[in-house]
Amino acid sequence: MSKAKREIVAHLTYFVVQTYKAVKGSRGKISAEEPIPAHDHDHAMRMFERFRQTRAGVVAFRRTGDPATGEWEDAVIIAKHGTLLPDVDWMTDESDRDFEKWDLSEHDLKVA
């Protein structure tokens, strides 16, 4: 009988799509619906595209961390659309992390 190998996962990334619905009878107010887990980045984007057509707002994000210790990095927005609650403002936008898309010139890159 052989012993099964145990694989230890140091970090885990999970993907979530959060939708918001308009509150009837109120001007521009929204409420969060239940967050929806996604299998991966592509799955999150497919759900995002589907819900952006029918919801007041939708945000897809990911978080990476260590489930054993409970230490998690800040959530990173993959895509967002529409009206969102202020609690989304603290999230980092993935497009901010894509340095190659930044329009910087030599003038912007001064060395002290």
PDB file of N, CA and C in Angstrom:
ATOM      1  N   MET A   1       0.841  -1.177   0.000  1.00  0.00           N
ATOM      2  CA  MET A   1       0.000   0.000   0.000  1.00  0.00           C
ATOM      3  C   MET A   1       0.889   1.244   0.000  1.00  0.00           C
ATOM      4  N   SER A   2       0.669   2.127  -0.928  1.00  0.00           N
ATOM      5  CA  SER A   2       1.484   3.339  -0.988  1.00  0.00           C
ATOM      6  C   SER A   2       0.756   4.485  -0.305  1.00  0.00           C
ATOM      7  N   LYS A   3       1.575   5.356   0.274  1.00  0.00           N
ATOM      8  CA  LYS A   3       0.997   6.526   0.933  1.00  0.00           C
ATOM      9  C   LYS A   3       0.719   7.596  -0.115  1.00  0.00           C
ATOM     10  N   ALA A   4      -0.421   8.237  -0.015  1.00  0.00           N
ATOM     11  CA  ALA A   4      -0.790   9.301  -0.951  1.00  0.00           C
ATOM     12  C   ALA A   4       0.061  10.534  -0.676  1.00  0.00           C
ATOM     13  N   LYS A   5       0.516  11.165  -1.730  1.00  0.00           N
ATOM     14  CA  LYS A   5       1.283  12.402  -1.596  1.00  0.00           C
ATOM     15  C   LYS A   5       0.339  13.533  -1.260  1.00  0.00           C
ATOM     16  N   ARG A   6       0.769  14.387  -0.393  1.00  0.00           N
ATOM     17  CA  ARG A   6      -0.007  15.574  -0.070  1.00  0.00           C
ATOM     18  C   ARG A   6       0.648  16.770  -0.716  1.00  0.00           C
ATOM     19  N   GLU A   7      -0.127  17.511  -1.425  1.00  0.00           N
ATOM     20  CA  GLU A   7       0.387  18.714  -2.058  1.00  0.00           C
ATOM     21  C   GLU A   7      -0.076  19.908  -1.245  1.00  0.00           C
ATOM     22  N   ILE A   8       0.874  20.750  -0.887  1.00  0.00           N
ATOM     23  CA  ILE A   8       0.553  21.935  -0.107  1.00  0.00           C
ATOM     24  C   ILE A   8       0.461  23.121  -1.057  1.00  0.00           C
ATOM     25  N   VAL A   9      -0.661  23.811  -1.005  1.00  0.00           N
ATOM     26  CA  VAL A   9      -0.871  24.987  -1.845  1.00  0.00           C
ATOM     27  C   VAL A   9      -0.528  26.212  -1.010  1.00  0.00           C
ATOM     28  N   ALA A  10       0.522  26.919  -1.438  1.00  0.00           N
ATOM     29  CA  ALA A  10       0.937  28.106  -0.692  1.00  0.00           C
ATOM     30  C   ALA A  10      -0.020  29.265  -0.918  1.00  0.00           C
ATOM     31  N   HIS A  11      -0.410  29.450  -2.160  1.00  0.00           N
ATOM     32  CA  HIS A  11      -1.318  30.534  -2.491  1.00  0.00           C
ATOM     33  C   HIS A  11      -2.432  30.027  -3.402  1.00  0.00           C
ATOM     34  N   LEU A  12      -3.575  30.642  -3.241  1.00  0.00           N
ATOM     35  CA  LEU A  12      -4.744  30.291  -4.028  1.00  0.00           C
ATOM     36  C   LEU A  12      -5.330  31.581  -4.566  1.00  0.00           C
ATOM     37  N   THR A  13      -5.753  31.579  -5.823  1.00  0.00           N
ATOM     38  CA  THR A  13      -6.445  32.730  -6.395  1.00  0.00           C
ATOM     39  C   THR A  13      -7.877  32.323  -6.680  1.00  0.00           C
ATOM     40  N   TYR A  14      -8.797  33.120  -6.177  1.00  0.00           N
ATOM     41  CA  TYR A  14     -10.194  32.844  -6.493  1.00  0.00           C
ATOM     42  C   TYR A  14     -10.794  34.038  -7.219  1.00  0.00           C
ATOM     43  N   PHE A  15     -11.797  33.754  -8.023  1.00  0.00           N
ATOM     44  CA  PHE A  15     -12.437  34.748  -8.878  1.00  0.00           C
ATOM     45  C   PHE A  15     -13.906  34.867  -8.482  1.00  0.00           C
ATOM     46  N   VAL A  16     -14.403  36.100  -8.482  1.00  0.00           N
ATOM     47  CA  VAL A  16     -15.777  36.369  -8.054  1.00  0.00           C
ATOM     48  C   VAL A  16     -16.401  37.407  -8.986  1.00  0.00           C
ATOM     49  N   VAL A  17     -17.693  37.250  -9.249  1.00  0.00           N
ATOM     50  CA  VAL A  17     -18.469  38.266  -9.957  1.00  0.00           C
ATOM     51  C   VAL A  17     -19.531  38.764  -8.988  1.00  0.00           C
ATOM     52  N   GLN A  18     -19.527  40.075  -8.750  1.00  0.00           N
ATOM     53  CA  GLN A  18     -20.498  40.698  -7.856  1.00  0.00           C
ATOM     54  C   GLN A  18     -21.446  41.535  -8.693  1.00  0.00           C
ATOM     55  N   THR A  19     -22.738  41.254  -8.580  1.00  0.00           N
ATOM     56  CA  THR A  19     -23.736  42.009  -9.328  1.00  0.00           C
ATOM     57  C   THR A  19     -24.520  42.921  -8.387  1.00  0.00           C
ATOM     58  N   TYR A  20     -25.062  43.985  -8.968  1.00  0.00           N
ATOM     59  CA  TYR A  20     -25.863  44.960  -8.226  1.00  0.00           C
ATOM     60  C   TYR A  20     -27.154  45.196  -8.993  1.00  0.00           C
ATOM     61  N   LYS A  21     -28.248  45.208  -8.257  1.00  0.00           N
ATOM     62  CA  LYS A  21     -29.538  45.463  -8.896  1.00  0.00           C
ATOM     63  C   LYS A  21     -30.060  46.828  -8.461  1.00  0.00           C
ATOM     64  N   ALA A  22     -30.850  47.429  -9.336  1.00  0.00           N
ATOM     65  CA  ALA A  22     -31.486  48.706  -9.018  1.00  0.00           C
ATOM     66  C   ALA A  22     -32.584  48.461  -7.993  1.00  0.00           C
ATOM     67  N   VAL A  23     -32.696  49.363  -7.032  1.00  0.00           N
ATOM     68  CA  VAL A  23     -33.747  49.264  -6.028  1.00  0.00           C
ATOM     69  C   VAL A  23     -34.972  49.993  -6.560  1.00  0.00           C
ATOM     70  N   LYS A  24     -36.071  49.261  -6.690  1.00  0.00           N
ATOM     71  CA  LYS A  24     -37.301  49.856  -7.238  1.00  0.00           C
ATOM     72  C   LYS A  24     -37.811  50.963  -6.321  1.00  0.00           C
ATOM     73  N   GLY A  25     -38.282  52.027  -6.954  1.00  0.00           N
ATOM     74  CA  GLY A  25     -38.873  53.125  -6.206  1.00  0.00           C
ATOM     75  C   GLY A  25     -37.861  54.090  -5.612  1.00  0.00           C
ATOM     76  N   SER A  26     -36.592  53.908  -5.899  1.00  0.00           N
ATOM     77  CA  SER A  26     -35.590  54.848  -5.400  1.00  0.00           C
ATOM     78  C   SER A  26     -34.758  55.361  -6.573  1.00  0.00           C
ATOM     79  N   ARG A  27     -34.277  56.539  -6.436  1.00  0.00           N
ATOM     80  CA  ARG A  27     -33.538  57.161  -7.525  1.00  0.00           C
ATOM     81  C   ARG A  27     -32.069  56.754  -7.489  1.00  0.00           C
ATOM     82  N   GLY A  28     -31.696  55.873  -8.374  1.00  0.00           N
ATOM     83  CA  GLY A  28     -30.294  55.508  -8.525  1.00  0.00           C
ATOM     84  C   GLY A  28     -29.702  54.635  -7.442  1.00  0.00           C
ATOM     85  N   LYS A  29     -30.499  54.175  -6.494  1.00  0.00           N
ATOM     86  CA  LYS A  29     -29.958  53.321  -5.443  1.00  0.00           C
ATOM     87  C   LYS A  29     -29.829  51.892  -5.958  1.00  0.00           C
ATOM     88  N   ILE A  30     -28.807  51.212  -5.462  1.00  0.00           N
ATOM     89  CA  ILE A  30     -28.569  49.825  -5.858  1.00  0.00           C
ATOM     90  C   ILE A  30     -28.337  48.987  -4.618  1.00  0.00           C
ATOM     91  N   SER A  31     -28.485  47.682  -4.768  1.00  0.00           N
ATOM     92  CA  SER A  31     -28.149  46.770  -3.677  1.00  0.00           C
ATOM     93  C   SER A  31     -27.372  45.592  -4.253  1.00  0.00           C
ATOM     94  N   ALA A  32     -26.449  45.089  -3.452  1.00  0.00           N
ATOM     95  CA  ALA A  32     -25.605  43.973  -3.887  1.00  0.00           C
ATOM     96  C   ALA A  32     -26.402  42.678  -3.833  1.00  0.00           C
ATOM     97  N   GLU A  33     -26.219  41.858  -4.862  1.00  0.00           N
ATOM     98  CA  GLU A  33     -26.793  40.520  -4.870  1.00  0.00           C
ATOM     99  C   GLU A  33     -25.728  39.563  -4.315  1.00  0.00           C
ATOM    100  N   GLU A  34     -26.049  38.294  -4.243  1.00  0.00           N
ATOM    101  CA  GLU A  34     -25.077  37.312  -3.745  1.00  0.00           C
ATOM    102  C   GLU A  34     -23.869  37.238  -4.686  1.00  0.00           C
ATOM    103  N   PRO A  35     -22.648  37.260  -4.142  1.00  0.00           N
ATOM    104  CA  PRO A  35     -21.467  37.109  -4.997  1.00  0.00           C
ATOM    105  C   PRO A  35     -21.466  35.728  -5.661  1.00  0.00           C
ATOM    106  N   ILE A  36     -20.958  35.672  -6.883  1.00  0.00           N
ATOM    107  CA  ILE A  36     -20.957  34.423  -7.642  1.00  0.00           C
ATOM    108  C   ILE A  36     -19.513  33.978  -7.876  1.00  0.00           C
ATOM    109  N   PRO A  37     -19.129  32.818  -7.366  1.00  0.00           N
ATOM    110  CA  PRO A  37     -17.762  32.342  -7.606  1.00  0.00           C
ATOM    111  C   PRO A  37     -17.584  31.903  -9.058  1.00  0.00           C
ATOM    112  N   ALA A  38     -16.390  32.139  -9.598  1.00  0.00           N
ATOM    113  CA  ALA A  38     -16.062  31.722 -10.966  1.00  0.00           C
ATOM    114  C   ALA A  38     -14.908  30.728 -10.897  1.00  0.00           C
ATOM    115  N   HIS A  39     -14.811  29.868 -11.902  1.00  0.00           N
ATOM    116  CA  HIS A  39     -13.767  28.847 -11.940  1.00  0.00           C
ATOM    117  C   HIS A  39     -12.391  29.431 -12.222  1.00  0.00           C
ATOM    118  N   ASP A  40     -12.360  30.464 -13.080  1.00  0.00           N
ATOM    119  CA  ASP A  40     -11.092  31.059 -13.473  1.00  0.00           C
ATOM    120  C   ASP A  40     -11.369  32.427 -14.103  1.00  0.00           C
ATOM    121  N   HIS A  41     -10.323  33.082 -14.599  1.00  0.00           N
ATOM    122  CA  HIS A  41     -10.440  34.412 -15.192  1.00  0.00           C
ATOM    123  C   HIS A  41     -11.430  34.430 -16.359  1.00  0.00           C
ATOM    124  N   ASP A  42     -11.307  33.469 -17.258  1.00  0.00           N
ATOM    125  CA  ASP A  42     -12.185  33.436 -18.434  1.00  0.00           C
ATOM    126  C   ASP A  42     -13.652  33.235 -18.051  1.00  0.00           C
ATOM    127  N   HIS A  43     -13.894  32.380 -17.080  1.00  0.00           N
ATOM    128  CA  HIS A  43     -15.260  32.153 -16.610  1.00  0.00           C
ATOM    129  C   HIS A  43     -15.823  33.433 -15.988  1.00  0.00           C
ATOM    130  N   ALA A  44     -15.010  34.127 -15.205  1.00  0.00           N
ATOM    131  CA  ALA A  44     -15.441  35.389 -14.596  1.00  0.00           C
ATOM    132  C   ALA A  44     -15.798  36.416 -15.675  1.00  0.00           C
ATOM    133  N   MET A  45     -14.995  36.474 -16.727  1.00  0.00           N
ATOM    134  CA  MET A  45     -15.266  37.430 -17.809  1.00  0.00           C
ATOM    135  C   MET A  45     -16.527  37.075 -18.588  1.00  0.00           C
ATOM    136  N   ARG A  46     -16.778  35.789 -18.792  1.00  0.00           N
ATOM    137  CA  ARG A  46     -18.017  35.389 -19.480  1.00  0.00           C
ATOM    138  C   ARG A  46     -19.241  35.783 -18.649  1.00  0.00           C
ATOM    139  N   MET A  47     -19.183  35.543 -17.342  1.00  0.00           N
ATOM    140  CA  MET A  47     -20.306  35.930 -16.483  1.00  0.00           C
ATOM    141  C   MET A  47     -20.457  37.446 -16.445  1.00  0.00           C
ATOM    142  N   PHE A  48     -19.337  38.154 -16.367  1.00  0.00           N
ATOM    143  CA  PHE A  48     -19.372  39.614 -16.373  1.00  0.00           C
ATOM    144  C   PHE A  48     -20.098  40.126 -17.619  1.00  0.00           C
ATOM    145  N   GLU A  49     -19.732  39.615 -18.781  1.00  0.00           N
ATOM    146  CA  GLU A  49     -20.357  40.054 -20.031  1.00  0.00           C
ATOM    147  C   GLU A  49     -21.855  39.751 -20.045  1.00  0.00           C
ATOM    148  N   ARG A  50     -22.236  38.601 -19.499  1.00  0.00           N
ATOM    149  CA  ARG A  50     -23.654  38.239 -19.470  1.00  0.00           C
ATOM    150  C   ARG A  50     -24.437  39.164 -18.528  1.00  0.00           C
ATOM    151  N   PHE A  51     -23.901  39.423 -17.338  1.00  0.00           N
ATOM    152  CA  PHE A  51     -24.634  40.221 -16.346  1.00  0.00           C
ATOM    153  C   PHE A  51     -24.615  41.716 -16.643  1.00  0.00           C
ATOM    154  N   ARG A  52     -23.630  42.201 -17.372  1.00  0.00           N
ATOM    155  CA  ARG A  52     -23.584  43.642 -17.638  1.00  0.00           C
ATOM    156  C   ARG A  52     -24.779  44.090 -18.470  1.00  0.00           C
ATOM    157  N   GLN A  53     -25.428  43.157 -19.167  1.00  0.00           N
ATOM    158  CA  GLN A  53     -26.603  43.474 -19.983  1.00  0.00           C
ATOM    159  C   GLN A  53     -27.884  43.603 -19.146  1.00  0.00           C
ATOM    160  N   THR A  54     -27.893  42.984 -17.958  1.00  0.00           N
ATOM    161  CA  THR A  54     -29.143  42.895 -17.204  1.00  0.00           C
ATOM    162  C   THR A  54     -29.089  43.486 -15.795  1.00  0.00           C
ATOM    163  N   ARG A  55     -27.933  43.956 -15.354  1.00  0.00           N
ATOM    164  CA  ARG A  55     -27.809  44.480 -13.990  1.00  0.00           C
ATOM    165  C   ARG A  55     -27.419  45.953 -14.010  1.00  0.00           C
ATOM    166  N   ALA A  56     -27.740  46.656 -12.923  1.00  0.00           N
ATOM    167  CA  ALA A  56     -27.377  48.072 -12.798  1.00  0.00           C
ATOM    168  C   ALA A  56     -25.862  48.226 -12.733  1.00  0.00           C
ATOM    169  N   GLY A  57     -25.195  47.247 -12.172  1.00  0.00           N
ATOM    170  CA  GLY A  57     -23.746  47.271 -12.075  1.00  0.00           C
ATOM    171  C   GLY A  57     -23.210  45.871 -11.885  1.00  0.00           C
ATOM    172  N   VAL A  58     -21.960  45.677 -12.283  1.00  0.00           N
ATOM    173  CA  VAL A  58     -21.313  44.374 -12.108  1.00  0.00           C
ATOM    174  C   VAL A  58     -19.802  44.593 -12.032  1.00  0.00           C
ATOM    175  N   VAL A  59     -19.166  43.840 -11.149  1.00  0.00           N
ATOM    176  CA  VAL A  59     -17.709  43.887 -11.037  1.00  0.00           C
ATOM    177  C   VAL A  59     -17.190  42.455 -10.927  1.00  0.00           C
ATOM    178  N   ALA A  60     -16.139  42.165 -11.686  1.00  0.00           N
ATOM    179  CA  ALA A  60     -15.459  40.871 -11.594  1.00  0.00           C
ATOM    180  C   ALA A  60     -14.100  41.145 -10.960  1.00  0.00           C
ATOM    181  N   PHE A  61     -13.722  40.328  -9.980  1.00  0.00           N
ATOM    182  CA  PHE A  61     -12.444  40.549  -9.314  1.00  0.00           C
ATOM    183  C   PHE A  61     -11.805  39.232  -8.907  1.00  0.00           C
ATOM    184  N   ARG A  62     -10.533  39.326  -8.505  1.00  0.00           N
ATOM    185  CA  ARG A  62      -9.802  38.157  -8.030  1.00  0.00           C
ATOM    186  C   ARG A  62      -9.070  38.512  -6.745  1.00  0.00           C
ATOM    187  N   ARG A  63      -8.838  37.501  -5.947  1.00  0.00           N
ATOM    188  CA  ARG A  63      -8.039  37.660  -4.721  1.00  0.00           C
ATOM    189  C   ARG A  63      -7.094  36.487  -4.628  1.00  0.00           C
ATOM    190  N   THR A  64      -5.894  36.756  -4.168  1.00  0.00           N
ATOM    191  CA  THR A  64      -4.885  35.726  -3.992  1.00  0.00           C
ATOM    192  C   THR A  64      -4.456  35.727  -2.537  1.00  0.00           C
ATOM    193  N   GLY A  65      -4.275  34.535  -1.996  1.00  0.00           N
ATOM    194  CA  GLY A  65      -3.842  34.460  -0.613  1.00  0.00           C
ATOM    195  C   GLY A  65      -3.560  33.043  -0.181  1.00  0.00           C
ATOM    196  N   ASP A  66      -3.359  32.914   1.105  1.00  0.00           N
ATOM    197  CA  ASP A  66      -3.037  31.634   1.715  1.00  0.00           C
ATOM    198  C   ASP A  66      -4.204  31.214   2.605  1.00  0.00           C
ATOM    199  N   PRO A  67      -4.976  30.227   2.171  1.00  0.00           N
ATOM    200  CA  PRO A  67      -6.133  29.807   2.965  1.00  0.00           C
ATOM    201  C   PRO A  67      -5.748  29.268   4.338  1.00  0.00           C
ATOM    202  N   ALA A  68      -4.564  28.719   4.454  1.00  0.00           N
ATOM    203  CA  ALA A  68      -4.131  28.147   5.737  1.00  0.00           C
ATOM    204  C   ALA A  68      -3.902  29.228   6.790  1.00  0.00           C
ATOM    205  N   THR A  69      -3.370  30.371   6.367  1.00  0.00           N
ATOM    206  CA  THR A  69      -3.082  31.442   7.322  1.00  0.00           C
ATOM    207  C   THR A  69      -4.168  32.512   7.351  1.00  0.00           C
ATOM    208  N   GLY A  70      -5.000  32.535   6.303  1.00  0.00           N
ATOM    209  CA  GLY A  70      -6.038  33.559   6.222  1.00  0.00           C
ATOM    210  C   GLY A  70      -5.520  34.899   5.727  1.00  0.00           C
ATOM    211  N   GLU A  71      -4.279  34.938   5.251  1.00  0.00           N
ATOM    212  CA  GLU A  71      -3.707  36.181   4.735  1.00  0.00           C
ATOM    213  C   GLU A  71      -4.013  36.291   3.244  1.00  0.00           C
ATOM    214  N   TRP A  72      -4.675  37.382   2.874  1.00  0.00           N
ATOM    215  CA  TRP A  72      -5.110  37.591   1.489  1.00  0.00           C
ATOM    216  C   TRP A  72      -4.656  38.957   1.011  1.00  0.00           C
ATOM    217  N   GLU A  73      -4.253  39.019  -0.253  1.00  0.00           N
ATOM    218  CA  GLU A  73      -3.930  40.299  -0.874  1.00  0.00           C
ATOM    219  C   GLU A  73      -5.228  41.055  -1.128  1.00  0.00           C
ATOM    220  N   ASP A  74      -5.113  42.344  -1.399  1.00  0.00           N
ATOM    221  CA  ASP A  74      -6.294  43.126  -1.753  1.00  0.00           C
ATOM    222  C   ASP A  74      -6.907  42.582  -3.029  1.00  0.00           C
ATOM    223  N   ALA A  75      -8.190  42.731  -3.149  1.00  0.00           N
ATOM    224  CA  ALA A  75      -8.888  42.302  -4.366  1.00  0.00           C
ATOM    225  C   ALA A  75      -8.438  43.155  -5.540  1.00  0.00           C
ATOM    226  N   VAL A  76      -8.378  42.528  -6.715  1.00  0.00           N
ATOM    227  CA  VAL A  76      -7.983  43.214  -7.945  1.00  0.00           C
ATOM    228  C   VAL A  76      -9.146  43.121  -8.933  1.00  0.00           C
ATOM    229  N   ILE A  77      -9.616  44.271  -9.392  1.00  0.00           N
ATOM    230  CA  ILE A  77     -10.727  44.312 -10.341  1.00  0.00           C
ATOM    231  C   ILE A  77     -10.257  43.842 -11.708  1.00  0.00           C
ATOM    232  N   ILE A  78     -10.984  42.903 -12.268  1.00  0.00           N
ATOM    233  CA  ILE A  78     -10.725  42.420 -13.623  1.00  0.00           C
ATOM    234  C   ILE A  78     -11.533  43.257 -14.614  1.00  0.00           C
ATOM    235  N   ALA A  79     -12.803  43.516 -14.269  1.00  0.00           N
ATOM    236  CA  ALA A  79     -13.687  44.313 -15.132  1.00  0.00           C
ATOM    237  C   ALA A  79     -14.790  44.909 -14.271  1.00  0.00           C
ATOM    238  N   LYS A  80     -15.263  46.104 -14.649  1.00  0.00           N
ATOM    239  CA  LYS A  80     -16.380  46.727 -13.927  1.00  0.00           C
ATOM    240  C   LYS A  80     -17.230  47.504 -14.904  1.00  0.00           C
ATOM    241  N   HIS A  81     -18.511  47.605 -14.558  1.00  0.00           N
ATOM    242  CA  HIS A  81     -19.466  48.283 -15.430  1.00  0.00           C
ATOM    243  C   HIS A  81     -20.643  48.784 -14.607  1.00  0.00           C
ATOM    244  N   GLY A  82     -21.135  49.967 -14.954  1.00  0.00           N
ATOM    245  CA  GLY A  82     -22.366  50.474 -14.360  1.00  0.00           C
ATOM    246  C   GLY A  82     -22.173  51.122 -13.010  1.00  0.00           C
ATOM    247  N   THR A  83     -23.253  51.130 -12.244  1.00  0.00           N
ATOM    248  CA  THR A  83     -23.276  51.742 -10.924  1.00  0.00           C
ATOM    249  C   THR A  83     -22.826  50.725  -9.885  1.00  0.00           C
ATOM    250  N   LEU A  84     -21.825  51.114  -9.093  1.00  0.00           N
ATOM    251  CA  LEU A  84     -21.264  50.208  -8.087  1.00  0.00           C
ATOM    252  C   LEU A  84     -21.304  50.876  -6.724  1.00  0.00           C
ATOM    253  N   LEU A  85     -21.277  50.078  -5.677  1.00  0.00           N
ATOM    254  CA  LEU A  85     -21.239  50.610  -4.321  1.00  0.00           C
ATOM    255  C   LEU A  85     -19.846  51.153  -4.013  1.00  0.00           C
ATOM    256  N   PRO A  86     -19.748  52.102  -3.083  1.00  0.00           N
ATOM    257  CA  PRO A  86     -18.442  52.687  -2.746  1.00  0.00           C
ATOM    258  C   PRO A  86     -17.413  51.673  -2.230  1.00  0.00           C
ATOM    259  N   ASP A  87     -17.853  50.526  -1.719  1.00  0.00           N
ATOM    260  CA  ASP A  87     -16.884  49.557  -1.199  1.00  0.00           C
ATOM    261  C   ASP A  87     -15.999  48.968  -2.298  1.00  0.00           C
ATOM    262  N   VAL A  88     -16.345  49.181  -3.563  1.00  0.00           N
ATOM    263  CA  VAL A  88     -15.521  48.722  -4.678  1.00  0.00           C
ATOM    264  C   VAL A  88     -14.331  49.665  -4.889  1.00  0.00           C
ATOM    265  N   ASP A  89     -14.442  50.904  -4.407  1.00  0.00           N
ATOM    266  CA  ASP A  89     -13.394  51.905  -4.630  1.00  0.00           C
ATOM    267  C   ASP A  89     -12.044  51.508  -4.043  1.00  0.00           C
ATOM    268  N   TRP A  90     -12.013  50.710  -3.005  1.00  0.00           N
ATOM    269  CA  TRP A  90     -10.737  50.324  -2.387  1.00  0.00           C
ATOM    270  C   TRP A  90     -10.002  49.253  -3.187  1.00  0.00           C
ATOM    271  N   MET A  91     -10.687  48.633  -4.131  1.00  0.00           N
ATOM    272  CA  MET A  91     -10.061  47.572  -4.921  1.00  0.00           C
ATOM    273  C   MET A  91      -9.096  48.160  -5.951  1.00  0.00           C
ATOM    274  N   THR A  92      -8.019  47.449  -6.217  1.00  0.00           N
ATOM    275  CA  THR A  92      -7.074  47.831  -7.254  1.00  0.00           C
ATOM    276  C   THR A  92      -7.642  47.409  -8.593  1.00  0.00           C
ATOM    277  N   ASP A  93      -7.497  48.280  -9.578  1.00  0.00           N
ATOM    278  CA  ASP A  93      -7.965  47.955 -10.920  1.00  0.00           C
ATOM    279  C   ASP A  93      -6.831  47.272 -11.675  1.00  0.00           C
ATOM    280  N   GLU A  94      -7.122  46.111 -12.286  1.00  0.00           N
ATOM    281  CA  GLU A  94      -6.103  45.351 -13.014  1.00  0.00           C
ATOM    282  C   GLU A  94      -5.428  46.189 -14.092  1.00  0.00           C
ATOM    283  N   SER A  95      -6.163  47.107 -14.730  1.00  0.00           N
ATOM    284  CA  SER A  95      -5.573  47.927 -15.785  1.00  0.00           C
ATOM    285  C   SER A  95      -4.504  48.861 -15.226  1.00  0.00           C
ATOM    286  N   ASP A  96      -4.579  49.201 -13.937  1.00  0.00           N
ATOM    287  CA  ASP A  96      -3.539  50.021 -13.313  1.00  0.00           C
ATOM    288  C   ASP A  96      -2.227  49.255 -13.184  1.00  0.00           C
ATOM    289  N   ARG A  97      -2.312  47.933 -13.143  1.00  0.00           N
ATOM    290  CA  ARG A  97      -1.126  47.100 -12.972  1.00  0.00           C
ATOM    291  C   ARG A  97      -0.467  46.742 -14.298  1.00  0.00           C
ATOM    292  N   ASP A  98      -1.103  47.039 -15.411  1.00  0.00           N
ATOM    293  CA  ASP A  98      -0.556  46.684 -16.713  1.00  0.00           C
ATOM    294  C   ASP A  98       0.375  47.799 -17.172  1.00  0.00           C
ATOM    295  N   PHE A  99       1.614  47.739 -16.719  1.00  0.00           N
ATOM    296  CA  PHE A  99       2.572  48.807 -16.957  1.00  0.00           C
ATOM    297  C   PHE A  99       2.843  49.057 -18.435  1.00  0.00           C
ATOM    298  N   GLU A 100       2.760  48.028 -19.258  1.00  0.00           N
ATOM    299  CA  GLU A 100       3.054  48.204 -20.669  1.00  0.00           C
ATOM    300  C   GLU A 100       2.008  49.056 -21.375  1.00  0.00           C
ATOM    301  N   LYS A 101       0.821  49.178 -20.797  1.00  0.00           N
ATOM    302  CA  LYS A 101      -0.228  49.999 -21.396  1.00  0.00           C
ATOM    303  C   LYS A 101      -0.128  51.457 -20.945  1.00  0.00           C
ATOM    304  N   TRP A 102       0.709  51.730 -19.940  1.00  0.00           N
ATOM    305  CA  TRP A 102       0.844  53.100 -19.476  1.00  0.00           C
ATOM    306  C   TRP A 102       1.510  53.927 -20.561  1.00  0.00           C
ATOM    307  N   ASP A 103       1.003  55.090 -20.818  1.00  0.00           N
ATOM    308  CA  ASP A 103       1.545  55.970 -21.838  1.00  0.00           C
ATOM    309  C   ASP A 103       2.567  56.906 -21.187  1.00  0.00           C
ATOM    310  N   LEU A 104       3.786  56.386 -21.019  1.00  0.00           N
ATOM    311  CA  LEU A 104       4.847  57.162 -20.370  1.00  0.00           C
ATOM    312  C   LEU A 104       5.937  57.491 -21.387  1.00  0.00           C
ATOM    313  N   SER A 105       6.504  58.669 -21.254  1.00  0.00           N
ATOM    314  CA  SER A 105       7.621  59.062 -22.098  1.00  0.00           C
ATOM    315  C   SER A 105       8.852  59.232 -21.226  1.00  0.00           C
ATOM    316  N   GLU A 106       9.989  59.531 -21.850  1.00  0.00           N
ATOM    317  CA  GLU A 106      11.216  59.757 -21.082  1.00  0.00           C
ATOM    318  C   GLU A 106      11.034  60.915 -20.110  1.00  0.00           C
ATOM    319  N   HIS A 107      10.238  61.887 -20.515  1.00  0.00           N
ATOM    320  CA  HIS A 107       9.974  63.049 -19.673  1.00  0.00           C
ATOM    321  C   HIS A 107       9.318  62.630 -18.341  1.00  0.00           C
ATOM    322  N   ASP A 108       8.488  61.586 -18.385  1.00  0.00           N
ATOM    323  CA  ASP A 108       7.792  61.102 -17.200  1.00  0.00           C
ATOM    324  C   ASP A 108       8.710  60.295 -16.281  1.00  0.00           C
ATOM    325  N   LEU A 109       9.804  59.797 -16.819  1.00  0.00           N
ATOM    326  CA  LEU A 109      10.686  58.900 -16.074  1.00  0.00           C
ATOM    327  C   LEU A 109      11.967  59.627 -15.647  1.00  0.00           C
ATOM    328  N   LYS A 110      11.834  60.561 -14.763  1.00  0.00           N
ATOM    329  CA  LYS A 110      12.990  61.304 -14.262  1.00  0.00           C
ATOM    330  C   LYS A 110      13.642  60.512 -13.143  1.00  0.00           C
ATOM    331  N   VAL A 111      14.939  60.499 -13.135  1.00  0.00           N
ATOM    332  CA  VAL A 111      15.690  59.841 -12.068  1.00  0.00           C
ATOM    333  C   VAL A 111      16.294  60.899 -11.192  1.00  0.00           C
ATOM    334  N   ALA A 112      16.108  60.752  -9.898  1.00  0.00           N
ATOM    335  CA  ALA A 112      16.634  61.754  -8.960  1.00  0.00           C
ATOM    336  C   ALA A 112      18.109  61.551  -8.720  1.00  0.00           C
TER     337      ALA A 112
END
